[in-house]
């Protein structure tokens, strides 16, 4: 089944995210553009095992991107890099190529110029993001993404125990420090502080 229409994706995104907003529409369009550049016709269906997507923001657009691509963290097909940018990189595993798509900041100004009569910013941007051309909304760049086997969906490997805390570490995410095998938290990459 080929890509759905924007309206169909909007319904799905609203259900998945809990509401529909300008960020959702922008994310849908961004993902549709990215997979279109790759020529992937059914990312959430028959082509689902050939796509890995990196997202760079933890906002509404990311939930929308998952609706179009079918990529999920739990399936190891969605990767999050907290760069704070409305951007995503779509990796075609079958063709070993990738494209990074970023939302143009100028799209907000274009929305204001096109629909000055719409006072509500979200409503104004929603309408504009539905109608503006891809070139007005996005920039894209062909990139190379080095994915090791441990980064791919379906990868299986044995677990190792951290020599400091004893917790199991999967998917070759352990680090070697001073001859010891450690989890990333014990190696100094902890995002939490034990109480």
Protein backbone atom coordinates (compact mmCIF):
# COMPACT_ATOMS: atom_id res chain seq x y z
CA UNK A 1 0.00 0.00 0.00
CA UNK A 2 1.60 3.33 -1.03
CA UNK A 3 1.85 6.42 1.13
CA UNK A 4 -1.45 7.68 2.47
CA UNK A 5 -2.80 11.16 1.89
CA UNK A 6 -1.89 13.96 4.28
CA UNK A 7 -5.50 13.98 5.54
CA UNK A 8 -5.31 10.25 6.33
CA UNK A 9 -2.03 10.73 8.16
CA UNK A 10 -3.50 13.68 10.08
CA UNK A 11 -6.25 11.42 11.45
CA UNK A 12 -3.70 8.79 12.46
CA UNK A 13 -1.37 11.39 14.01
CA UNK A 14 -4.19 12.97 16.01
CA UNK A 15 -5.12 9.56 17.42
CA UNK A 16 -1.52 8.62 18.21
CA UNK A 17 -0.47 11.98 19.66
CA UNK A 18 -3.71 13.09 21.29
CA UNK A 19 -4.22 16.25 19.26
CA UNK A 20 -3.39 17.76 15.89
CA UNK A 21 -1.17 20.82 15.75
CA UNK A 22 1.19 22.62 13.39
CA UNK A 23 4.13 20.52 14.64
CA UNK A 24 2.26 17.34 13.79
CA UNK A 25 1.49 18.51 10.25
CA UNK A 26 5.07 19.66 9.76
CA UNK A 27 6.33 16.28 10.98
CA UNK A 28 3.98 14.41 8.66
CA UNK A 29 5.07 16.47 5.68
CA UNK A 30 8.74 16.13 6.64
CA UNK A 31 8.49 12.33 6.80
CA UNK A 32 6.47 12.10 3.59
CA UNK A 33 9.11 14.21 1.86
CA UNK A 34 12.03 12.19 3.27
CA UNK A 35 10.70 8.75 2.36
CA UNK A 36 9.61 10.16 -1.01
CA UNK A 37 13.17 11.31 -1.74
CA UNK A 38 14.31 7.76 -1.01
CA UNK A 39 11.58 6.29 -3.20
CA UNK A 40 10.20 4.21 -0.34
CA UNK A 41 6.54 3.73 -1.18
CA UNK A 42 5.23 1.86 1.87
CA UNK A 43 7.48 2.64 4.85
CA UNK A 44 5.08 1.39 7.52
CA UNK A 45 4.10 -1.71 5.51
CA UNK A 46 6.01 -3.85 3.03
CA UNK A 47 9.11 -1.59 3.15
CA UNK A 48 9.26 -1.35 6.94
CA UNK A 49 12.44 -3.42 7.35
CA UNK A 50 14.44 -1.23 5.00
CA UNK A 51 14.04 2.04 6.93
CA UNK A 52 15.79 3.41 10.02
CA UNK A 53 14.97 6.98 11.03
CA UNK A 54 16.95 9.35 13.24
CA UNK A 55 14.92 12.17 14.81
CA UNK A 56 16.52 15.25 16.36
CA UNK A 57 13.77 16.66 18.59
CA UNK A 58 11.42 15.31 21.26
CA UNK A 59 8.35 17.29 20.24
CA UNK A 60 5.11 16.80 18.30
CA UNK A 61 6.85 16.43 14.94
CA UNK A 62 8.58 13.25 16.09
CA UNK A 63 5.31 11.51 16.89
CA UNK A 64 4.09 12.45 13.42
CA UNK A 65 7.26 11.11 11.80
CA UNK A 66 6.63 7.72 13.42
CA UNK A 67 3.10 7.65 12.00
CA UNK A 68 4.39 7.95 8.43
CA UNK A 69 7.51 5.81 8.73
CA UNK A 70 6.27 3.12 11.09
CA UNK A 71 9.68 3.39 12.81
CA UNK A 72 9.53 2.79 16.56
CA UNK A 73 12.16 2.78 19.28
CA UNK A 74 10.98 -0.65 20.43
CA UNK A 75 11.54 -2.02 16.93
CA UNK A 76 15.05 -0.50 16.90
CA UNK A 77 14.12 1.46 13.77
CA UNK A 78 13.78 4.89 15.42
CA UNK A 79 16.87 6.56 16.83
CA UNK A 80 16.74 9.76 18.91
CA UNK A 81 19.52 12.33 18.94
CA UNK A 82 18.65 15.33 21.12
CA UNK A 83 19.83 18.16 18.86
CA UNK A 84 16.71 20.29 19.40
CA UNK A 85 16.08 20.59 15.65
CA UNK A 86 12.97 19.80 13.64
CA UNK A 87 14.96 17.41 11.49
CA UNK A 88 15.15 13.73 10.67
CA UNK A 89 17.46 11.47 8.73
CA UNK A 90 15.89 8.64 6.78
CA UNK A 91 18.20 5.68 6.13
CA UNK A 92 17.36 3.25 3.34
CA UNK A 93 19.06 0.02 4.42
CA UNK A 94 18.36 -1.74 1.12
CA UNK A 95 20.08 0.92 -0.96
CA UNK A 96 22.66 2.02 1.67
CA UNK A 97 21.79 5.70 1.37
CA UNK A 98 20.31 8.35 3.62
CA UNK A 99 18.76 11.79 3.40
CA UNK A 100 18.52 14.37 6.18
CA UNK A 101 15.53 16.71 6.05
CA UNK A 102 15.30 19.85 8.19
CA UNK A 103 12.37 22.23 8.53
CA UNK A 104 13.15 25.74 7.34
CA UNK A 105 12.75 28.36 10.04
CA UNK A 106 11.38 30.67 7.35
CA UNK A 107 8.23 28.53 7.09
CA UNK A 108 6.75 30.30 10.13
CA UNK A 109 7.22 33.69 8.46
CA UNK A 110 5.76 32.35 5.20
CA UNK A 111 2.69 31.20 7.11
CA UNK A 112 2.30 34.67 8.65
CA UNK A 113 2.68 36.34 5.26
CA UNK A 114 0.30 34.00 3.48
CA UNK A 115 -2.47 34.07 6.12
CA UNK A 116 -2.19 37.32 8.11
CA UNK A 117 -5.94 37.24 8.72
CA UNK A 118 -5.64 34.10 10.86
CA UNK A 119 -4.75 35.43 14.31
CA UNK A 120 -4.17 32.06 15.99
CA UNK A 121 -0.55 31.14 15.20
CA UNK A 122 -1.15 27.38 15.41
CA UNK A 123 -4.15 27.55 13.06
CA UNK A 124 -2.25 29.81 10.66
CA UNK A 125 0.75 27.47 10.57
CA UNK A 126 -1.43 24.37 10.26
CA UNK A 127 -3.08 25.79 7.16
CA UNK A 128 0.20 26.94 5.62
CA UNK A 129 2.01 23.67 6.37
CA UNK A 130 -0.72 21.80 4.53
CA UNK A 131 -0.34 24.00 1.45
CA UNK A 132 3.25 25.22 1.13
CA UNK A 133 5.54 23.45 -1.32
CA UNK A 134 8.14 21.04 0.07
CA UNK A 135 10.89 23.45 -1.04
CA UNK A 136 9.30 26.21 1.07
CA UNK A 137 9.12 23.98 4.14
CA UNK A 138 12.29 21.90 4.01
CA UNK A 139 15.93 21.66 3.10
CA UNK A 140 17.45 18.26 2.42
CA UNK A 141 20.94 16.87 2.19
CA UNK A 142 22.15 13.43 1.16
CA UNK A 143 24.27 12.03 3.99
CA UNK A 144 26.08 8.91 5.08
CA UNK A 145 25.11 7.26 8.36
CA UNK A 146 27.38 4.56 9.74
CA UNK A 147 25.14 1.87 11.20
CA UNK A 148 26.78 -1.14 12.76
CA UNK A 149 24.96 -4.46 12.96
CA UNK A 150 24.19 -3.73 16.61
CA UNK A 151 22.17 -0.67 15.51
CA UNK A 152 19.88 -2.53 13.12
CA UNK A 153 16.40 -3.89 13.72
CA UNK A 154 16.49 -7.59 14.53
CA UNK A 155 20.08 -7.62 15.82
CA UNK A 156 20.68 -10.16 18.56
CA UNK A 157 23.73 -10.61 20.72
CA UNK A 158 24.61 -11.87 24.13
CA UNK A 159 24.39 -9.68 27.18
CA UNK A 160 27.27 -8.73 29.38
CA UNK A 161 27.19 -7.69 33.01
CA UNK A 162 28.63 -4.38 34.13
CA UNK A 163 31.57 -5.12 36.41
CA UNK A 164 30.62 -2.23 38.72
CA UNK A 165 26.82 -2.35 39.17
CA UNK A 166 26.12 -5.86 37.86
CA UNK A 167 23.30 -4.74 35.55
CA UNK A 168 22.97 -6.45 32.16
CA UNK A 169 23.93 -4.51 29.04
CA UNK A 170 22.50 -5.41 25.61
CA UNK A 171 23.40 -4.70 21.99
CA UNK A 172 27.11 -3.98 22.50
CA UNK A 173 26.36 -0.83 24.47
CA UNK A 174 29.00 -1.61 27.11
CA UNK A 175 32.25 0.34 27.29
CA UNK A 176 35.75 -0.72 28.25
CA UNK A 177 37.47 1.47 30.85
CA UNK A 178 40.77 0.62 32.48
CA UNK A 179 40.39 -3.04 31.50
CA UNK A 180 36.87 -3.30 32.95
CA UNK A 181 33.56 -3.82 31.16
CA UNK A 182 31.12 -1.15 32.31
CA UNK A 183 27.63 0.03 31.46
CA UNK A 184 27.51 3.58 30.17
CA UNK A 185 26.08 4.87 33.45
CA UNK A 186 29.00 3.52 35.47
CA UNK A 187 31.40 4.80 32.81
CA UNK A 188 30.26 8.36 33.53
CA UNK A 189 27.38 8.84 31.06
CA UNK A 190 24.67 8.65 33.73
CA UNK A 191 21.68 10.95 33.21
CA UNK A 192 20.42 10.31 36.76
CA UNK A 193 21.93 10.61 40.22
CA UNK A 194 21.26 7.78 42.69
CA UNK A 195 19.73 8.95 45.99
